[in-house]
N, C-alpha and C. Protein backbone atom coordinates (compact mmCIF):
# COMPACT_ATOMS: atom_id res chain seq x y z
N MET A 1 128.57 69.58 -7.74
CA MET A 1 127.08 69.61 -8.16
C MET A 1 126.25 68.90 -7.08
N SER A 2 125.14 69.31 -6.80
CA SER A 2 124.12 68.57 -5.88
C SER A 2 123.75 67.35 -6.56
N ARG A 3 123.94 66.28 -5.99
CA ARG A 3 123.02 64.92 -6.55
C ARG A 3 121.65 64.96 -6.31
N ILE A 4 121.19 65.59 -5.09
CA ILE A 4 119.81 65.83 -4.71
C ILE A 4 119.30 66.63 -5.48
N GLY A 5 119.94 68.09 -5.50
CA GLY A 5 119.12 69.45 -5.72
C GLY A 5 118.85 69.37 -7.38
N LYS A 6 119.74 68.44 -8.14
CA LYS A 6 119.32 68.68 -9.71
C LYS A 6 117.93 67.75 -10.21
N HIS A 7 117.64 66.99 -9.41
CA HIS A 7 116.26 66.16 -9.74
C HIS A 7 115.31 67.25 -9.52
N PRO A 8 114.26 67.44 -10.63
CA PRO A 8 113.35 68.23 -10.24
C PRO A 8 111.99 67.27 -9.46
N ILE A 9 111.22 68.13 -8.84
CA ILE A 9 109.99 67.52 -8.29
C ILE A 9 108.81 67.57 -8.85
N GLU A 10 108.47 66.42 -9.30
CA GLU A 10 107.44 66.00 -9.85
C GLU A 10 105.75 66.37 -9.29
N ILE A 11 105.03 67.10 -9.74
CA ILE A 11 103.86 67.41 -8.97
C ILE A 11 102.78 66.50 -9.37
N PRO A 12 102.40 66.04 -8.34
CA PRO A 12 101.32 64.73 -8.54
C PRO A 12 99.94 65.42 -9.04
N SER A 13 99.20 64.39 -9.31
CA SER A 13 97.51 65.18 -9.67
C SER A 13 96.93 65.03 -8.57
N GLY A 14 96.29 66.51 -8.63
CA GLY A 14 95.33 66.64 -7.13
C GLY A 14 95.99 67.43 -6.41
N VAL A 15 97.47 67.81 -6.55
CA VAL A 15 98.23 68.90 -5.84
C VAL A 15 98.25 70.15 -6.59
N THR A 16 98.14 71.32 -6.26
CA THR A 16 98.32 72.63 -6.87
C THR A 16 99.53 73.13 -6.40
N VAL A 17 100.58 73.66 -6.83
CA VAL A 17 101.86 74.39 -6.33
C VAL A 17 101.65 75.70 -7.00
N ALA A 18 102.14 76.49 -6.06
CA ALA A 18 102.44 78.04 -6.99
C ALA A 18 103.79 78.66 -6.16
N PHE A 19 104.50 79.47 -6.92
CA PHE A 19 105.50 80.15 -6.53
C PHE A 19 105.47 81.61 -6.67
N ASN A 20 105.34 82.49 -5.43
CA ASN A 20 105.59 83.96 -5.55
C ASN A 20 106.27 84.35 -4.64
N ASN A 21 106.99 85.38 -4.99
CA ASN A 21 107.75 86.26 -4.00
C ASN A 21 108.81 85.63 -3.13
N GLY A 22 109.55 84.49 -4.19
CA GLY A 22 110.19 83.20 -2.71
C GLY A 22 109.66 82.65 -1.82
N VAL A 23 108.33 82.46 -2.39
CA VAL A 23 107.72 81.62 -1.20
C VAL A 23 106.82 80.53 -2.03
N ILE A 24 107.10 79.00 -1.95
CA ILE A 24 106.45 78.22 -2.37
C ILE A 24 105.09 77.81 -1.69
N THR A 25 103.85 77.77 -2.26
CA THR A 25 102.63 77.31 -1.47
C THR A 25 102.04 75.91 -2.20
N GLY A 26 101.43 75.04 -1.61
CA GLY A 26 100.95 74.05 -2.36
C GLY A 26 99.56 73.75 -1.26
N LYS A 27 98.62 72.94 -2.11
CA LYS A 27 97.58 72.36 -1.69
C LYS A 27 97.22 71.15 -2.16
N GLY A 28 96.87 70.35 -1.19
CA GLY A 28 96.44 68.91 -1.63
C GLY A 28 95.24 68.53 -0.95
N LYS A 29 94.71 67.18 -0.64
CA LYS A 29 93.96 66.40 -0.07
C LYS A 29 94.40 66.28 1.30
N ASN A 30 95.46 66.33 1.73
CA ASN A 30 95.84 66.33 3.31
C ASN A 30 96.18 67.50 3.72
N GLY A 31 96.20 68.78 3.19
CA GLY A 31 96.22 69.78 3.81
C GLY A 31 96.85 70.99 2.83
N GLU A 32 97.91 71.63 3.58
CA GLU A 32 98.59 72.79 2.78
C GLU A 32 99.93 73.01 3.35
N PHE A 33 100.90 73.82 2.35
CA PHE A 33 102.33 73.87 3.43
C PHE A 33 102.56 75.52 2.72
N GLU A 34 103.49 76.20 3.12
CA GLU A 34 104.09 77.37 2.78
C GLU A 34 105.36 77.32 3.25
N PHE A 35 106.43 77.64 2.33
CA PHE A 35 107.72 77.42 2.49
C PHE A 35 108.65 78.54 1.71
N LYS A 36 109.15 79.19 2.75
CA LYS A 36 110.23 80.33 2.04
C LYS A 36 111.64 80.15 1.47
N VAL A 37 111.84 80.14 0.36
CA VAL A 37 112.84 79.17 -0.19
C VAL A 37 114.18 80.38 -0.11
N HIS A 38 115.03 79.85 0.30
CA HIS A 38 116.35 80.87 0.84
C HIS A 38 116.77 81.74 -0.64
N GLU A 39 117.09 83.07 -0.54
CA GLU A 39 117.43 83.71 -1.73
C GLU A 39 118.82 83.19 -2.78
N SER A 40 119.38 82.64 -2.01
CA SER A 40 120.47 81.81 -3.06
C SER A 40 120.14 80.84 -4.13
N VAL A 41 118.75 80.66 -3.93
CA VAL A 41 118.18 79.27 -5.01
C VAL A 41 117.28 79.95 -5.71
N HIS A 42 117.35 79.65 -6.96
CA HIS A 42 116.37 80.14 -8.14
C HIS A 42 115.40 79.02 -8.05
N THR A 43 114.24 79.32 -8.26
CA THR A 43 112.84 78.12 -8.18
C THR A 43 112.25 78.46 -9.20
N GLU A 44 111.86 77.73 -9.88
CA GLU A 44 110.91 77.78 -11.09
C GLU A 44 109.92 76.59 -11.23
N ILE A 45 108.62 76.65 -11.79
CA ILE A 45 107.66 75.70 -11.99
C ILE A 45 107.40 75.66 -13.37
N VAL A 46 108.00 74.54 -13.73
CA VAL A 46 108.09 73.88 -15.52
C VAL A 46 107.43 72.67 -15.72
N ASP A 47 106.35 72.73 -16.68
CA ASP A 47 106.26 71.69 -17.25
C ASP A 47 105.32 70.47 -15.86
N GLY A 48 104.80 71.09 -15.26
CA GLY A 48 104.27 70.40 -13.81
C GLY A 48 105.44 69.81 -13.04
N LYS A 49 106.39 70.12 -13.22
CA LYS A 49 107.79 70.01 -12.09
C LYS A 49 108.33 71.39 -11.67
N ILE A 50 108.86 71.06 -10.27
CA ILE A 50 109.53 72.19 -9.49
C ILE A 50 110.99 72.00 -9.64
N VAL A 51 111.80 73.15 -10.39
CA VAL A 51 112.89 72.95 -10.64
C VAL A 51 113.87 74.16 -9.56
N PHE A 52 114.67 73.41 -8.95
CA PHE A 52 115.71 74.33 -8.06
C PHE A 52 116.96 74.63 -8.85
N LYS A 53 117.90 75.87 -8.87
CA LYS A 53 118.80 75.93 -9.37
C LYS A 53 119.62 76.69 -8.42
N PRO A 54 120.85 76.80 -8.17
CA PRO A 54 121.87 77.70 -7.32
C PRO A 54 121.97 78.88 -8.08
N CYS A 55 121.98 80.20 -7.49
CA CYS A 55 122.15 81.10 -8.10
C CYS A 55 123.51 81.67 -8.91
N ASP A 56 124.29 81.36 -7.96
CA ASP A 56 126.26 81.44 -7.97
C ASP A 56 126.65 80.24 -7.52
N ASP A 57 128.00 80.06 -7.73
CA ASP A 57 128.66 78.95 -7.25
C ASP A 57 129.36 79.06 -5.88
N SER A 58 128.40 79.98 -5.07
CA SER A 58 129.26 79.95 -3.88
C SER A 58 128.88 78.77 -3.00
N LYS A 59 129.42 78.30 -1.61
CA LYS A 59 129.11 77.40 -0.90
C LYS A 59 127.91 77.33 -0.01
N VAL A 60 127.19 78.58 0.16
CA VAL A 60 126.10 78.75 0.65
C VAL A 60 125.11 78.40 -0.30
N SER A 61 125.23 78.76 -1.15
CA SER A 61 124.12 78.46 -2.59
C SER A 61 123.94 77.12 -3.02
N ARG A 62 125.30 76.75 -3.12
CA ARG A 62 125.22 75.02 -3.25
C ARG A 62 124.70 74.20 -2.41
N SER A 63 124.79 74.60 -0.95
CA SER A 63 124.30 74.01 0.03
C SER A 63 122.59 74.03 0.41
N MET A 64 122.31 75.38 0.26
CA MET A 64 120.92 75.28 0.01
C MET A 64 120.25 74.96 -0.74
N TRP A 65 121.01 74.54 -2.03
CA TRP A 65 120.13 74.36 -3.11
C TRP A 65 119.42 72.90 -2.86
N GLY A 66 120.48 71.75 -2.30
CA GLY A 66 119.96 70.75 -1.99
C GLY A 66 119.13 70.43 -1.08
N THR A 67 119.22 71.58 0.14
CA THR A 67 118.52 71.41 1.01
C THR A 67 116.81 71.89 0.85
N CYS A 68 116.94 72.90 0.19
CA CYS A 68 115.45 73.39 -0.05
C CYS A 68 114.91 72.35 -0.96
N ARG A 69 115.34 71.70 -1.68
CA ARG A 69 114.84 70.72 -2.83
C ARG A 69 114.29 69.82 -2.04
N ALA A 70 114.71 68.87 -1.09
CA ALA A 70 114.59 68.28 0.19
C ALA A 70 113.36 68.17 0.96
N VAL A 71 113.60 69.63 1.26
CA VAL A 71 112.51 69.97 1.88
C VAL A 71 111.12 70.20 1.61
N VAL A 72 111.04 70.75 0.06
CA VAL A 72 109.94 70.91 -0.50
C VAL A 72 109.44 69.60 -1.20
N ALA A 73 110.30 68.56 -1.72
CA ALA A 73 109.67 67.28 -1.98
C ALA A 73 108.95 66.39 -0.74
N LYS A 74 109.56 66.80 0.39
CA LYS A 74 108.76 66.05 1.66
C LYS A 74 107.46 66.59 1.73
N TYR A 75 107.46 67.95 1.76
CA TYR A 75 105.87 68.52 1.67
C TYR A 75 105.14 68.28 0.85
N VAL A 76 105.58 68.06 -0.65
CA VAL A 76 104.67 67.69 -1.77
C VAL A 76 104.44 66.33 -1.56
N ALA A 77 105.26 65.56 -1.10
CA ALA A 77 104.89 64.20 -0.77
C ALA A 77 103.91 63.88 0.56
N GLY A 78 104.03 64.63 1.35
CA GLY A 78 102.84 64.79 2.42
C GLY A 78 101.49 65.20 1.95
N LEU A 79 101.44 65.74 0.61
CA LEU A 79 100.00 66.26 0.57
C LEU A 79 99.49 65.09 -0.40
N CYS A 80 100.05 64.21 -0.82
CA CYS A 80 99.53 63.10 -1.25
C CYS A 80 99.57 61.74 -0.41
N ASP A 81 100.22 61.71 0.57
CA ASP A 81 100.43 60.36 1.67
C ASP A 81 100.68 61.04 2.66
N VAL A 82 100.17 60.22 3.54
CA VAL A 82 100.09 60.48 4.95
C VAL A 82 101.72 59.71 5.63
N PHE A 83 102.06 60.42 6.41
CA PHE A 83 103.38 59.95 7.00
C PHE A 83 102.85 59.42 8.38
N VAL A 84 103.37 58.20 8.32
CA VAL A 84 102.72 57.40 9.56
C VAL A 84 104.13 56.62 10.27
N LYS A 85 104.19 56.94 11.59
CA LYS A 85 105.17 56.32 12.60
C LYS A 85 104.39 55.69 13.65
N LYS A 86 104.88 54.38 14.14
CA LYS A 86 104.46 53.71 15.70
C LYS A 86 105.44 53.84 16.70
N VAL A 87 104.87 53.97 17.69
CA VAL A 87 105.34 54.34 19.04
C VAL A 87 104.95 53.02 19.82
N ASN A 88 105.75 52.56 20.56
CA ASN A 88 105.32 51.06 21.67
C ASN A 88 106.20 51.71 23.03
N LEU A 89 105.20 51.43 23.92
CA LEU A 89 105.34 51.66 25.22
C LEU A 89 105.65 50.64 25.77
N VAL A 90 106.82 50.44 26.33
CA VAL A 90 107.58 49.11 27.06
C VAL A 90 108.14 49.50 28.67
N GLY A 91 107.15 48.65 29.49
CA GLY A 91 107.47 48.74 30.73
C GLY A 91 106.30 48.21 31.32
N VAL A 92 106.58 47.75 32.55
CA VAL A 92 105.05 47.05 33.62
C VAL A 92 104.22 48.26 33.60
N GLY A 93 103.04 48.08 33.27
CA GLY A 93 101.92 49.18 33.44
C GLY A 93 101.48 50.36 32.73
N TYR A 94 102.68 50.31 31.63
CA TYR A 94 102.59 51.57 30.78
C TYR A 94 101.46 51.51 29.56
N LYS A 95 100.78 52.50 29.81
CA LYS A 95 99.44 52.59 28.78
C LYS A 95 99.52 53.87 27.95
N ALA A 96 98.57 53.45 27.18
CA ALA A 96 98.16 54.98 26.31
C ALA A 96 96.44 54.80 26.06
N SER A 97 95.93 56.02 25.92
CA SER A 97 94.35 56.08 25.46
C SER A 97 94.37 57.63 25.18
N VAL A 98 93.48 57.91 24.04
CA VAL A 98 93.30 59.18 23.35
C VAL A 98 91.67 59.62 24.06
N GLN A 99 91.57 60.62 24.81
CA GLN A 99 90.53 61.08 25.32
C GLN A 99 90.48 62.74 24.59
N GLY A 100 89.21 62.85 23.66
CA GLY A 100 89.23 63.97 23.20
C GLY A 100 89.95 64.31 22.45
N LYS A 101 90.79 65.54 22.85
CA LYS A 101 92.18 66.14 21.88
C LYS A 101 93.13 66.02 22.91
N ASN A 102 93.17 64.88 23.96
CA ASN A 102 94.55 64.83 24.87
C ASN A 102 94.79 63.07 24.54
N LEU A 103 96.18 62.91 24.54
CA LEU A 103 96.86 62.00 24.76
C LEU A 103 97.17 61.36 26.17
N VAL A 104 96.49 60.70 26.86
CA VAL A 104 96.80 60.24 28.33
C VAL A 104 97.73 59.11 28.57
N LEU A 105 98.83 59.26 28.92
CA LEU A 105 99.82 58.42 29.08
C LEU A 105 100.15 57.87 30.90
N GLN A 106 100.07 56.67 30.64
CA GLN A 106 100.13 56.18 32.04
C GLN A 106 101.72 55.66 32.20
N LEU A 107 102.81 56.26 32.65
CA LEU A 107 104.23 55.78 32.38
C LEU A 107 105.15 55.55 33.68
N GLY A 108 104.41 55.16 34.52
CA GLY A 108 104.97 54.68 35.93
C GLY A 108 105.25 55.78 36.74
N TYR A 109 104.77 57.10 36.47
CA TYR A 109 104.65 57.79 37.42
C TYR A 109 103.45 58.12 38.58
N SER A 110 103.19 58.62 39.55
CA SER A 110 102.35 59.04 40.56
C SER A 110 101.22 59.27 39.83
N HIS A 111 101.36 60.15 38.76
CA HIS A 111 100.22 60.47 38.16
C HIS A 111 100.27 60.31 36.36
N ASP A 112 99.05 60.59 35.67
CA ASP A 112 98.67 60.56 34.28
C ASP A 112 99.54 61.60 33.77
N VAL A 113 100.19 61.30 32.62
CA VAL A 113 100.80 62.50 32.04
C VAL A 113 99.93 62.65 30.90
N ILE A 114 99.46 63.86 30.57
CA ILE A 114 98.46 64.66 29.47
C ILE A 114 99.28 65.22 28.43
N PHE A 115 98.88 64.83 27.33
CA PHE A 115 99.67 65.42 26.16
C PHE A 115 98.74 65.46 25.43
N GLU A 116 98.63 67.06 24.80
CA GLU A 116 97.72 67.84 23.90
C GLU A 116 98.43 67.51 22.59
N ILE A 117 97.42 66.98 21.72
CA ILE A 117 97.51 66.78 20.30
C ILE A 117 97.43 67.89 19.47
N PRO A 118 98.78 68.20 18.82
CA PRO A 118 98.65 68.87 17.92
C PRO A 118 97.39 69.12 16.49
N SER A 119 96.47 69.97 16.30
CA SER A 119 96.05 70.04 15.31
C SER A 119 96.04 69.39 13.94
N ASP A 120 97.35 69.42 13.51
CA ASP A 120 97.79 69.17 12.30
C ASP A 120 98.36 67.44 12.37
N VAL A 121 98.14 66.87 13.41
CA VAL A 121 98.79 65.60 13.63
C VAL A 121 97.75 64.53 14.15
N LYS A 122 97.55 63.35 13.47
CA LYS A 122 96.45 62.63 14.21
C LYS A 122 97.25 61.40 15.20
N ILE A 123 96.45 61.16 15.97
CA ILE A 123 96.90 60.12 17.13
C ILE A 123 96.09 59.30 17.47
N ALA A 124 96.37 57.90 17.16
CA ALA A 124 95.78 56.80 17.51
C ALA A 124 96.24 55.70 18.26
N CYS A 125 95.59 55.06 18.98
CA CYS A 125 96.35 53.90 20.00
C CYS A 125 95.60 52.48 19.42
N GLU A 126 96.33 51.84 18.69
CA GLU A 126 95.76 50.27 18.23
C GLU A 126 95.53 49.49 19.45
N ASN A 127 96.28 49.62 20.43
CA ASN A 127 96.07 48.78 21.38
C ASN A 127 96.94 49.62 22.87
N PRO A 128 96.72 49.19 23.96
CA PRO A 128 96.85 50.17 25.07
C PRO A 128 98.54 50.40 25.05
N THR A 129 99.52 49.60 24.54
CA THR A 129 100.88 49.87 24.61
C THR A 129 101.30 50.26 23.03
N THR A 130 100.58 50.32 22.11
CA THR A 130 101.09 51.03 20.77
C THR A 130 100.46 52.41 20.47
N ILE A 131 101.21 53.46 20.17
CA ILE A 131 100.60 54.67 19.50
C ILE A 131 100.72 54.77 18.25
N VAL A 132 100.09 55.28 17.22
CA VAL A 132 100.03 55.44 15.86
C VAL A 132 100.04 56.64 15.89
N VAL A 133 101.26 57.53 15.18
CA VAL A 133 101.14 59.07 15.07
C VAL A 133 101.12 59.19 13.59
N SER A 134 100.51 59.88 12.70
CA SER A 134 100.40 60.38 11.60
C SER A 134 100.14 61.66 11.10
N GLY A 135 100.44 62.28 10.02
CA GLY A 135 100.21 63.50 9.49
C GLY A 135 100.70 63.69 8.14
N ALA A 136 100.70 65.05 7.75
CA ALA A 136 101.02 65.32 6.24
C ALA A 136 102.44 65.89 6.30
N ASP A 137 102.94 66.31 7.51
CA ASP A 137 104.59 66.67 7.26
C ASP A 137 105.18 65.95 7.96
N SER A 138 106.38 65.55 7.96
CA SER A 138 106.88 64.22 8.60
C SER A 138 107.94 65.01 9.63
N GLN A 139 108.10 66.29 9.44
CA GLN A 139 108.69 66.85 10.66
C GLN A 139 108.02 66.89 11.66
N LYS A 140 106.81 67.49 11.32
CA LYS A 140 105.99 67.54 12.78
C LYS A 140 105.56 66.23 13.44
N VAL A 141 105.37 65.17 12.52
CA VAL A 141 105.23 63.78 13.26
C VAL A 141 106.59 63.30 14.01
N GLY A 142 107.27 63.67 13.58
CA GLY A 142 109.11 63.46 14.27
C GLY A 142 108.87 64.04 15.50
N GLN A 143 108.62 65.35 15.25
CA GLN A 143 108.90 66.36 16.81
C GLN A 143 107.74 65.97 17.54
N VAL A 144 106.66 65.19 17.23
CA VAL A 144 105.66 64.85 18.29
C VAL A 144 106.06 63.53 18.76
N ILE A 145 106.59 62.80 18.15
CA ILE A 145 107.20 61.50 18.65
C ILE A 145 108.29 61.69 19.61
N LYS A 146 109.20 62.99 19.28
CA LYS A 146 110.24 63.06 20.27
C LYS A 146 109.66 63.64 21.57
N ASN A 147 108.71 64.52 21.45
CA ASN A 147 107.85 65.30 22.57
C ASN A 147 107.48 63.95 23.68
N LEU A 148 107.12 63.05 23.10
CA LEU A 148 106.66 62.08 23.60
C LEU A 148 107.66 60.93 24.39
N GLN A 149 108.55 60.79 23.90
CA GLN A 149 109.79 60.52 24.52
C GLN A 149 110.66 60.92 25.44
N LYS A 150 110.43 62.20 25.43
CA LYS A 150 110.65 63.18 26.69
C LYS A 150 110.31 62.94 27.66
N PHE A 151 109.10 62.66 27.91
CA PHE A 151 108.32 61.98 29.13
C PHE A 151 109.00 60.74 29.62
N ARG A 152 109.57 59.79 29.04
CA ARG A 152 109.73 58.66 29.33
C ARG A 152 111.00 58.06 28.59
N ALA A 153 112.17 58.32 28.51
CA ALA A 153 112.84 58.09 27.03
C ALA A 153 113.70 56.46 27.35
N PRO A 154 113.83 56.14 26.39
CA PRO A 154 114.13 54.54 26.40
C PRO A 154 115.55 54.55 27.45
N GLU A 155 115.33 53.15 28.37
CA GLU A 155 116.28 53.14 29.46
C GLU A 155 117.23 52.00 28.94
N PRO A 156 118.42 52.05 29.09
CA PRO A 156 119.62 50.72 28.63
C PRO A 156 119.67 49.67 29.38
N TYR A 157 119.06 50.03 30.51
CA TYR A 157 119.31 48.69 31.50
C TYR A 157 118.39 47.49 31.30
N LYS A 158 117.01 48.13 31.43
CA LYS A 158 115.90 47.13 31.33
C LYS A 158 115.22 47.25 30.01
N GLY A 159 115.47 48.27 29.32
CA GLY A 159 114.85 48.64 27.91
C GLY A 159 113.63 49.10 28.20
N LYS A 160 112.92 49.77 28.97
CA LYS A 160 111.55 50.41 29.11
C LYS A 160 111.62 51.80 28.85
N GLY A 161 110.56 51.97 28.34
CA GLY A 161 110.46 53.77 27.75
C GLY A 161 109.61 53.71 26.37
N VAL A 162 109.69 55.01 26.22
CA VAL A 162 108.87 55.33 25.01
C VAL A 162 109.92 55.03 23.73
N ILE A 163 109.17 53.81 22.73
CA ILE A 163 110.43 53.54 22.00
C ILE A 163 109.86 53.45 20.51
N ILE A 164 110.36 54.16 19.53
CA ILE A 164 110.02 54.25 18.11
C ILE A 164 110.18 52.92 17.59
N GLU A 165 109.09 52.29 16.82
CA GLU A 165 108.99 51.07 16.55
C GLU A 165 110.51 51.17 15.26
N GLY A 166 111.24 49.93 15.33
CA GLY A 166 112.33 49.89 14.59
C GLY A 166 113.65 50.43 15.38
N GLN A 167 113.36 51.43 16.33
CA GLN A 167 114.59 51.74 17.07
C GLN A 167 115.29 50.84 17.78
N PHE A 168 116.71 50.80 17.75
CA PHE A 168 117.62 50.14 18.60
C PHE A 168 117.75 50.77 19.76
N VAL A 169 117.69 50.07 21.06
CA VAL A 169 118.02 50.36 22.08
C VAL A 169 119.11 49.78 22.57
N TYR A 170 120.20 50.40 22.76
CA TYR A 170 121.71 49.46 23.19
C TYR A 170 121.58 49.22 24.81
N ARG A 171 121.40 47.99 24.91
CA ARG A 171 121.59 47.61 26.24
C ARG A 171 122.45 47.53 26.93
N LYS A 172 122.99 47.61 28.28
CA LYS A 172 123.80 47.43 29.10
C LYS A 172 124.02 46.41 30.06
N GLU A 173 125.02 46.00 30.73
CA GLU A 173 125.12 44.94 31.46
C GLU A 173 124.86 45.55 33.03
N GLY A 174 124.15 44.96 33.46
CA GLY A 174 123.85 45.54 35.26
C GLY A 174 125.07 45.58 35.69
N LYS A 175 124.97 45.71 36.99
CA LYS A 175 126.10 45.79 38.08
C LYS A 175 126.01 44.13 38.36
N LYS A 176 127.68 43.70 38.54
CA LYS A 176 127.81 42.38 39.14
C LYS A 176 128.32 42.38 40.38
N LYS A 177 128.10 41.31 41.32
CA LYS A 177 128.61 41.32 42.72
C LYS A 177 129.78 40.58 42.61
């Protein structure tokens, strides 16, 4: 029995959720979502709660039961609250600024790195070395941060790079003579 799947998801006030033909749709103040539920999971909306149950006792059905419940719970939470993550730029001369719909990064290259901000994610710069990424979908917020890290990944010798706040960077000892 799934410890996660057996708990129903309560629908908060201000959020509307509908289930039709295997697709859950929801709308709230922060946006909307659409999620296709796996065919081996039975879904219904009862008394302001979304309830998931496996259709049979197969391994796929039991594993998708908890997965579908967890994904939909994140979507519903994103309709009420915004997911926020901070990113720090660590390194000499590393800076960021928002110019229109682009994030301009100076990461030690001979040119500026221009990152186009997706429409459903908001990016703000608190100061030149701190970027705040926020959005209703936690998966998209995390994906934007990983895309930013691809430009300059955290480096283990000096600790430079694009680092998520709270992320531990394993430091290595340099070469000895």
